[in-house]
PDB file of N, CA and C in Angstrom:
ATOM      1  N   MET A   1     209.774  63.017 278.804  1.00  0.00           N
ATOM      2  CA  MET A   1     211.357  63.324 277.939  1.00  0.00           C
ATOM      3  C   MET A   1     212.425  62.734 278.447  1.00  0.00           C
ATOM      4  N   PHE A   2     212.990  61.888 277.768  1.00  0.00           N
ATOM      5  CA  PHE A   2     214.380  61.196 277.877  1.00  0.00           C
ATOM      6  C   PHE A   2     215.215  61.310 277.002  1.00  0.00           C
ATOM      7  N   TYR A   3     216.534  61.373 277.216  1.00  0.00           N
ATOM      8  CA  TYR A   3     217.747  61.639 276.078  1.00  0.00           C
ATOM      9  C   TYR A   3     217.409  62.524 275.018  1.00  0.00           C
ATOM     10  N   GLY A   4     216.645  63.857 275.387  1.00  0.00           N
ATOM     11  CA  GLY A   4     216.199  64.665 274.264  1.00  0.00           C
ATOM     12  C   GLY A   4     215.105  64.360 273.361  1.00  0.00           C
ATOM     13  N   ILE A   5     214.339  63.212 273.874  1.00  0.00           N
ATOM     14  CA  ILE A   5     213.124  62.632 273.078  1.00  0.00           C
ATOM     15  C   ILE A   5     212.041  63.121 273.775  1.00  0.00           C
ATOM     16  N   ILE A   6     211.175  63.794 273.235  1.00  0.00           N
ATOM     17  CA  ILE A   6     209.704  64.395 273.888  1.00  0.00           C
ATOM     18  C   ILE A   6     208.847  63.228 273.375  1.00  0.00           C
ATOM     19  N   ILE A   7     207.824  62.610 274.329  1.00  0.00           N
ATOM     20  CA  ILE A   7     206.887  61.629 274.018  1.00  0.00           C
ATOM     21  C   ILE A   7     205.453  62.435 274.404  1.00  0.00           C
ATOM     22  N   ARG A   8     204.529  62.036 273.463  1.00  0.00           N
ATOM     23  CA  ARG A   8     203.088  63.018 273.561  1.00  0.00           C
ATOM     24  C   ARG A   8     202.100  61.822 273.149  1.00  0.00           C
ATOM     25  N   LEU A   9     201.022  61.663 273.608  1.00  0.00           N
ATOM     26  CA  LEU A   9     200.065  61.225 273.534  1.00  0.00           C
ATOM     27  C   LEU A   9     198.903  62.115 272.867  1.00  0.00           C
ATOM     28  N   TYR A  10     198.578  61.829 271.903  1.00  0.00           N
ATOM     29  CA  TYR A  10     197.607  62.432 270.867  1.00  0.00           C
ATOM     30  C   TYR A  10     196.402  61.840 270.949  1.00  0.00           C
ATOM     31  N   LEU A  11     195.482  62.170 271.497  1.00  0.00           N
ATOM     32  CA  LEU A  11     193.948  61.412 271.241  1.00  0.00           C
ATOM     33  C   LEU A  11     193.201  61.814 269.844  1.00  0.00           C
ATOM     34  N   ILE A  12     193.151  62.802 269.157  1.00  0.00           N
ATOM     35  CA  ILE A  12     192.987  63.250 267.848  1.00  0.00           C
ATOM     36  C   ILE A  12     194.093  63.184 266.989  1.00  0.00           C
ATOM     37  N   ASP A  13     194.335  62.186 266.341  1.00  0.00           N
ATOM     38  CA  ASP A  13     195.074  61.890 265.551  1.00  0.00           C
ATOM     39  C   ASP A  13     194.459  61.271 264.230  1.00  0.00           C
ATOM     40  N   ASN A  14     194.508  62.321 262.962  1.00  0.00           N
ATOM     41  CA  ASN A  14     193.800  61.866 261.755  1.00  0.00           C
ATOM     42  C   ASN A  14     194.181  60.763 260.960  1.00  0.00           C
ATOM     43  N   LYS A  15     195.528  60.450 261.136  1.00  0.00           N
ATOM     44  CA  LYS A  15     196.194  59.674 260.160  1.00  0.00           C
ATOM     45  C   LYS A  15     196.198  58.100 260.922  1.00  0.00           C
ATOM     46  N   HIS A  16     195.967  58.115 261.927  1.00  0.00           N
ATOM     47  CA  HIS A  16     195.899  56.585 263.101  1.00  0.00           C
ATOM     48  C   HIS A  16     194.751  56.411 263.375  1.00  0.00           C
ATOM     49  N   HIS A  17     193.381  56.652 262.883  1.00  0.00           N
ATOM     50  CA  HIS A  17     192.289  56.465 263.893  1.00  0.00           C
ATOM     51  C   HIS A  17     192.333  54.792 264.470  1.00  0.00           C
ATOM     52  N   ASN A  18     191.690  54.793 265.898  1.00  0.00           N
ATOM     53  CA  ASN A  18     192.109  53.499 266.411  1.00  0.00           C
ATOM     54  C   ASN A  18     192.947  52.907 266.728  1.00  0.00           C
ATOM     55  N   ILE A  19     193.823  53.598 266.253  1.00  0.00           N
ATOM     56  CA  ILE A  19     195.537  52.827 266.677  1.00  0.00           C
ATOM     57  C   ILE A  19     195.923  53.352 268.004  1.00  0.00           C
ATOM     58  N   THR A  20     196.448  52.630 268.882  1.00  0.00           N
ATOM     59  CA  THR A  20     196.892  53.094 270.191  1.00  0.00           C
ATOM     60  C   THR A  20     198.443  53.331 270.068  1.00  0.00           C
ATOM     61  N   ASP A  21     198.830  54.894 270.036  1.00  0.00           N
ATOM     62  CA  ASP A  21     200.039  55.314 269.358  1.00  0.00           C
ATOM     63  C   ASP A  21     200.549  56.162 270.196  1.00  0.00           C
ATOM     64  N   ILE A  22     201.855  56.421 270.266  1.00  0.00           N
ATOM     65  CA  ILE A  22     202.649  57.577 271.005  1.00  0.00           C
ATOM     66  C   ILE A  22     203.107  58.265 269.745  1.00  0.00           C
ATOM     67  N   HIS A  23     203.518  59.729 270.229  1.00  0.00           N
ATOM     68  CA  HIS A  23     204.147  60.503 269.039  1.00  0.00           C
ATOM     69  C   HIS A  23     205.946  60.992 269.824  1.00  0.00           C
ATOM     70  N   ALA A  24     206.915  60.519 269.162  1.00  0.00           N
ATOM     71  CA  ALA A  24     207.871  60.665 269.695  1.00  0.00           C
ATOM     72  C   ALA A  24     208.639  62.132 268.789  1.00  0.00           C
ATOM     73  N   ARG A  25     209.027  62.906 269.309  1.00  0.00           N
ATOM     74  CA  ARG A  25     209.739  64.049 268.687  1.00  0.00           C
ATOM     75  C   ARG A  25     211.473  64.036 269.158  1.00  0.00           C
ATOM     76  N   TYR A  26     212.228  64.401 268.220  1.00  0.00           N
ATOM     77  CA  TYR A  26     213.840  64.495 268.680  1.00  0.00           C
ATOM     78  C   TYR A  26     214.055  65.437 267.694  1.00  0.00           C
ATOM     79  N   PRO A  27     214.701  66.652 268.461  1.00  0.00           N
ATOM     80  CA  PRO A  27     214.948  68.017 267.576  1.00  0.00           C
ATOM     81  C   PRO A  27     213.803  68.152 266.734  1.00  0.00           C
ATOM     82  N   GLU A  28     213.790  68.335 265.307  1.00  0.00           N
ATOM     83  CA  GLU A  28     212.872  68.314 264.206  1.00  0.00           C
ATOM     84  C   GLU A  28     212.563  67.196 263.424  1.00  0.00           C
ATOM     85  N   LEU A  29     212.630  66.029 264.219  1.00  0.00           N
ATOM     86  CA  LEU A  29     212.287  64.964 263.832  1.00  0.00           C
ATOM     87  C   LEU A  29     210.801  64.524 264.432  1.00  0.00           C
ATOM     88  N   GLU A  30     209.637  63.890 263.924  1.00  0.00           N
ATOM     89  CA  GLU A  30     208.445  63.209 264.810  1.00  0.00           C
ATOM     90  C   GLU A  30     208.196  61.939 264.141  1.00  0.00           C
ATOM     91  N   ALA A  31     207.988  61.038 264.681  1.00  0.00           N
ATOM     92  CA  ALA A  31     207.327  59.745 264.527  1.00  0.00           C
ATOM     93  C   ALA A  31     206.274  59.607 265.269  1.00  0.00           C
ATOM     94  N   SER A  32     205.565  58.441 264.728  1.00  0.00           N
ATOM     95  CA  SER A  32     204.183  57.887 265.512  1.00  0.00           C
ATOM     96  C   SER A  32     204.424  56.447 265.373  1.00  0.00           C
ATOM     97  N   ILE A  33     204.436  55.833 266.666  1.00  0.00           N
ATOM     98  CA  ILE A  33     205.186  54.421 267.080  1.00  0.00           C
ATOM     99  C   ILE A  33     203.916  53.825 267.647  1.00  0.00           C
ATOM    100  N   SER A  34     203.588  52.640 267.360  1.00  0.00           N
ATOM    101  CA  SER A  34     202.337  51.747 267.849  1.00  0.00           C
ATOM    102  C   SER A  34     202.846  51.436 269.238  1.00  0.00           C
ATOM    103  N   ILE A  35     201.799  51.627 270.846  1.00  0.00           N
ATOM    104  CA  ILE A  35     202.073  51.137 271.500  1.00  0.00           C
ATOM    105  C   ILE A  35     201.927  49.584 271.719  1.00  0.00           C
ATOM    106  N   GLU A  36     201.076  48.996 271.194  1.00  0.00           N
ATOM    107  CA  GLU A  36     200.835  47.457 271.206  1.00  0.00           C
ATOM    108  C   GLU A  36     202.241  46.940 270.624  1.00  0.00           C
ATOM    109  N   GLU A  37     202.587  47.049 269.390  1.00  0.00           N
ATOM    110  CA  GLU A  37     203.796  46.552 268.488  1.00  0.00           C
ATOM    111  C   GLU A  37     204.864  46.915 268.731  1.00  0.00           C
ATOM    112  N   GLY A  38     205.199  48.543 269.177  1.00  0.00           N
ATOM    113  CA  GLY A  38     206.510  49.333 268.809  1.00  0.00           C
ATOM    114  C   GLY A  38     207.087  49.304 267.795  1.00  0.00           C
ATOM    115  N   GLU A  39     205.903  49.402 266.509  1.00  0.00           N
ATOM    116  CA  GLU A  39     206.377  49.772 265.320  1.00  0.00           C
ATOM    117  C   GLU A  39     205.952  50.880 264.760  1.00  0.00           C
ATOM    118  N   LEU A  40     206.985  51.393 263.698  1.00  0.00           N
ATOM    119  CA  LEU A  40     206.853  52.795 263.539  1.00  0.00           C
ATOM    120  C   LEU A  40     205.740  52.583 262.204  1.00  0.00           C
ATOM    121  N   LEU A  41     204.706  53.748 262.656  1.00  0.00           N
ATOM    122  CA  LEU A  41     203.498  53.999 261.904  1.00  0.00           C
ATOM    123  C   LEU A  41     203.626  55.187 260.843  1.00  0.00           C
ATOM    124  N   ALA A  42     204.351  56.250 261.446  1.00  0.00           N
ATOM    125  CA  ALA A  42     204.798  57.142 260.396  1.00  0.00           C
ATOM    126  C   ALA A  42     205.904  58.009 261.004  1.00  0.00           C
ATOM    127  N   GLY A  43     206.429  58.753 260.312  1.00  0.00           N
ATOM    128  CA  GLY A  43     207.157  59.953 260.299  1.00  0.00           C
ATOM    129  C   GLY A  43     208.616  59.007 260.608  1.00  0.00           C
ATOM    130  N   ASP A  44     209.780  59.774 261.338  1.00  0.00           N
ATOM    131  CA  ASP A  44     211.098  59.276 261.439  1.00  0.00           C
ATOM    132  C   ASP A  44     211.739  59.681 262.660  1.00  0.00           C
ATOM    133  N   LEU A  45     212.745  58.724 262.951  1.00  0.00           N
ATOM    134  CA  LEU A  45     213.828  59.241 263.994  1.00  0.00           C
ATOM    135  C   LEU A  45     215.147  58.483 263.914  1.00  0.00           C
ATOM    136  N   PRO A  46     216.029  58.845 264.080  1.00  0.00           N
ATOM    137  CA  PRO A  46     217.578  58.223 263.941  1.00  0.00           C
ATOM    138  C   PRO A  46     217.048  56.718 264.801  1.00  0.00           C
ATOM    139  N   ARG A  47     217.957  56.293 264.576  1.00  0.00           N
ATOM    140  CA  ARG A  47     217.706  54.739 264.569  1.00  0.00           C
ATOM    141  C   ARG A  47     217.902  54.186 266.149  1.00  0.00           C
ATOM    142  N   LYS A  48     219.147  55.235 266.778  1.00  0.00           N
ATOM    143  CA  LYS A  48     219.387  54.892 268.200  1.00  0.00           C
ATOM    144  C   LYS A  48     218.312  55.262 269.144  1.00  0.00           C
ATOM    145  N   GLN A  49     217.671  56.929 268.658  1.00  0.00           N
ATOM    146  CA  GLN A  49     216.366  57.532 269.606  1.00  0.00           C
ATOM    147  C   GLN A  49     215.262  56.424 269.167  1.00  0.00           C
ATOM    148  N   MET A  50     214.986  55.855 267.770  1.00  0.00           N
ATOM    149  CA  MET A  50     213.814  54.811 267.881  1.00  0.00           C
ATOM    150  C   MET A  50     213.657  53.623 268.635  1.00  0.00           C
ATOM    151  N   ARG A  51     215.376  53.277 268.814  1.00  0.00           N
ATOM    152  CA  ARG A  51     215.594  51.883 269.585  1.00  0.00           C
ATOM    153  C   ARG A  51     215.398  52.240 271.246  1.00  0.00           C
ATOM    154  N   LEU A  52     215.751  53.594 271.536  1.00  0.00           N
ATOM    155  CA  LEU A  52     215.267  54.240 272.949  1.00  0.00           C
ATOM    156  C   LEU A  52     213.789  54.390 273.548  1.00  0.00           C
ATOM    157  N   VAL A  53     212.853  54.453 272.362  1.00  0.00           N
ATOM    158  CA  VAL A  53     211.802  54.819 272.522  1.00  0.00           C
ATOM    159  C   VAL A  53     210.780  53.443 272.133  1.00  0.00           C
ATOM    160  N   GLN A  54     211.411  52.739 271.611  1.00  0.00           N
ATOM    161  CA  GLN A  54     210.890  50.723 271.843  1.00  0.00           C
ATOM    162  C   GLN A  54     210.902  50.490 272.801  1.00  0.00           C
ATOM    163  N   ALA A  55     212.112  50.576 273.429  1.00  0.00           N
ATOM    164  CA  ALA A  55     212.596  49.906 274.862  1.00  0.00           C
ATOM    165  C   ALA A  55     211.621  50.326 275.858  1.00  0.00           C
ATOM    166  N   TRP A  56     211.459  51.930 276.012  1.00  0.00           N
ATOM    167  CA  TRP A  56     210.877  52.396 276.612  1.00  0.00           C
ATOM    168  C   TRP A  56     209.202  51.947 276.484  1.00  0.00           C
ATOM    169  N   ILE A  57     208.863  51.778 275.447  1.00  0.00           N
ATOM    170  CA  ILE A  57     207.486  51.561 275.196  1.00  0.00           C
ATOM    171  C   ILE A  57     207.552  50.235 275.824  1.00  0.00           C
ATOM    172  N   LYS A  58     208.313  49.258 275.578  1.00  0.00           N
ATOM    173  CA  LYS A  58     208.326  47.815 275.990  1.00  0.00           C
ATOM    174  C   LYS A  58     208.042  47.808 277.569  1.00  0.00           C
ATOM    175  N   LEU A  59     209.153  48.749 278.348  1.00  0.00           N
ATOM    176  CA  LEU A  59     208.941  48.625 279.469  1.00  0.00           C
ATOM    177  C   LEU A  59     207.489  49.087 280.377  1.00  0.00           C
ATOM    178  N   HIS A  60     207.053  50.030 279.776  1.00  0.00           N
ATOM    179  CA  HIS A  60     205.995  50.862 280.104  1.00  0.00           C
ATOM    180  C   HIS A  60     204.366  50.794 279.161  1.00  0.00           C
ATOM    181  N   ARG A  61     204.349  49.356 278.571  1.00  0.00           N
ATOM    182  CA  ARG A  61     203.326  49.234 277.832  1.00  0.00           C
ATOM    183  C   ARG A  61     201.961  49.154 278.803  1.00  0.00           C
ATOM    184  N   ASP A  62     202.237  48.474 279.639  1.00  0.00           N
ATOM    185  CA  ASP A  62     200.933  48.496 280.348  1.00  0.00           C
ATOM    186  C   ASP A  62     200.221  49.810 280.972  1.00  0.00           C
ATOM    187  N   GLU A  63     201.415  50.887 281.290  1.00  0.00           N
ATOM    188  CA  GLU A  63     200.856  52.121 281.956  1.00  0.00           C
ATOM    189  C   GLU A  63     200.667  52.999 280.593  1.00  0.00           C
ATOM    190  N   LEU A  64     201.018  52.586 279.480  1.00  0.00           N
ATOM    191  CA  LEU A  64     200.847  53.586 278.418  1.00  0.00           C
ATOM    192  C   LEU A  64     199.139  53.070 277.952  1.00  0.00           C
ATOM    193  N   MET A  65     199.177  51.811 277.866  1.00  0.00           N
ATOM    194  CA  MET A  65     197.292  51.380 277.608  1.00  0.00           C
ATOM    195  C   MET A  65     196.786  52.067 278.663  1.00  0.00           C
ATOM    196  N   ALA A  66     196.898  52.001 279.613  1.00  0.00           N
ATOM    197  CA  ALA A  66     196.065  52.363 280.766  1.00  0.00           C
ATOM    198  C   ALA A  66     195.760  54.224 280.804  1.00  0.00           C
ATOM    199  N   ASP A  67     196.621  54.740 280.468  1.00  0.00           N
ATOM    200  CA  ASP A  67     196.744  56.130 279.934  1.00  0.00           C
ATOM    201  C   ASP A  67     195.870  56.313 278.553  1.00  0.00           C
ATOM    202  N   TRP A  68     196.018  55.570 277.680  1.00  0.00           N
ATOM    203  CA  TRP A  68     195.265  55.816 276.595  1.00  0.00           C
ATOM    204  C   TRP A  68     193.649  55.354 276.951  1.00  0.00           C
ATOM    205  N   LYS A  69     193.418  54.637 277.948  1.00  0.00           N
ATOM    206  CA  LYS A  69     192.177  54.100 278.157  1.00  0.00           C
ATOM    207  C   LYS A  69     191.543  55.505 279.154  1.00  0.00           C
ATOM    208  N   LEU A  70     192.260  56.001 280.239  1.00  0.00           N
ATOM    209  CA  LEU A  70     191.953  57.069 280.892  1.00  0.00           C
ATOM    210  C   LEU A  70     191.833  58.520 279.988  1.00  0.00           C
ATOM    211  N   ALA A  71     192.493  58.796 278.915  1.00  0.00           N
ATOM    212  CA  ALA A  71     192.614  59.833 278.234  1.00  0.00           C
ATOM    213  C   ALA A  71     191.068  59.625 277.181  1.00  0.00           C
ATOM    214  N   VAL A  72     190.724  58.371 276.342  1.00  0.00           N
ATOM    215  CA  VAL A  72     189.781  58.207 275.853  1.00  0.00           C
ATOM    216  C   VAL A  72     188.705  58.144 276.501  1.00  0.00           C
ATOM    217  N   ASN A  73     188.471  58.261 277.826  1.00  0.00           N
ATOM    218  CA  ASN A  73     187.475  58.676 278.886  1.00  0.00           C
ATOM    219  C   ASN A  73     187.201  59.903 279.163  1.00  0.00           C
ATOM    220  N   GLY A  74     188.031  60.747 278.506  1.00  0.00           N
ATOM    221  CA  GLY A  74     188.157  61.855 279.221  1.00  0.00           C
ATOM    222  C   GLY A  74     188.805  62.355 280.555  1.00  0.00           C
ATOM    223  N   GLU A  75     189.410  61.403 280.848  1.00  0.00           N
ATOM    224  CA  GLU A  75     190.355  61.492 282.308  1.00  0.00           C
ATOM    225  C   GLU A  75     191.697  61.900 282.254  1.00  0.00           C
ATOM    226  N   THR A  76     192.249  62.536 283.023  1.00  0.00           N
ATOM    227  CA  THR A  76     193.709  62.830 282.801  1.00  0.00           C
ATOM    228  C   THR A  76     194.751  61.684 282.922  1.00  0.00           C
ATOM    229  N   PRO A  77     195.593  61.498 282.057  1.00  0.00           N
ATOM    230  CA  PRO A  77     196.393  60.225 282.382  1.00  0.00           C
ATOM    231  C   PRO A  77     197.691  60.601 282.997  1.00  0.00           C
ATOM    232  N   TYR A  78     198.241  59.733 283.856  1.00  0.00           N
ATOM    233  CA  TYR A  78     199.529  59.666 284.937  1.00  0.00           C
ATOM    234  C   TYR A  78     200.366  60.003 284.093  1.00  0.00           C
ATOM    235  N   LYS A  79     201.392  60.635 284.600  1.00  0.00           N
ATOM    236  CA  LYS A  79     202.474  60.799 283.969  1.00  0.00           C
ATOM    237  C   LYS A  79     203.388  59.338 284.230  1.00  0.00           C
ATOM    238  N   ILE A  80     204.325  58.717 282.977  1.00  0.00           N
ATOM    239  CA  ILE A  80     205.226  57.976 283.199  1.00  0.00           C
ATOM    240  C   ILE A  80     206.307  58.066 283.183  1.00  0.00           C
ATOM    241  N   SER A  81     207.228  57.321 283.905  1.00  0.00           N
ATOM    242  CA  SER A  81     208.844  57.505 284.488  1.00  0.00           C
ATOM    243  C   SER A  81     209.502  57.624 282.864  1.00  0.00           C
ATOM    244  N   PRO A  82     210.511  58.524 282.760  1.00  0.00           N
ATOM    245  CA  PRO A  82     211.361  58.254 281.503  1.00  0.00           C
ATOM    246  C   PRO A  82     212.401  57.319 281.549  1.00  0.00           C
ATOM    247  N   LEU A  83     212.903  56.919 280.289  1.00  0.00           N
ATOM    248  CA  LEU A  83     213.962  55.790 280.376  1.00  0.00           C
ATOM    249  C   LEU A  83     215.267  56.188 281.231  1.00  0.00           C
TER     250      LEU A  83
END
């Protein structure tokens, strides 16, 4: 969590199979954002918060991909530092 944005990694995402993505929630809004490209896949966030999430993804892309692989293999992902 950073700047009121909650970041989650869902392994069972029926809308975006096989796409490495995170879910960002900011009060009542939620968006699915690809880890590889930082692009919006679904949902909505205010512009400022979307830019913060994209910057965070860019800074932590390698860690996010490693966590994704751990989770897919049934292992516990590591916590990633906030922005």
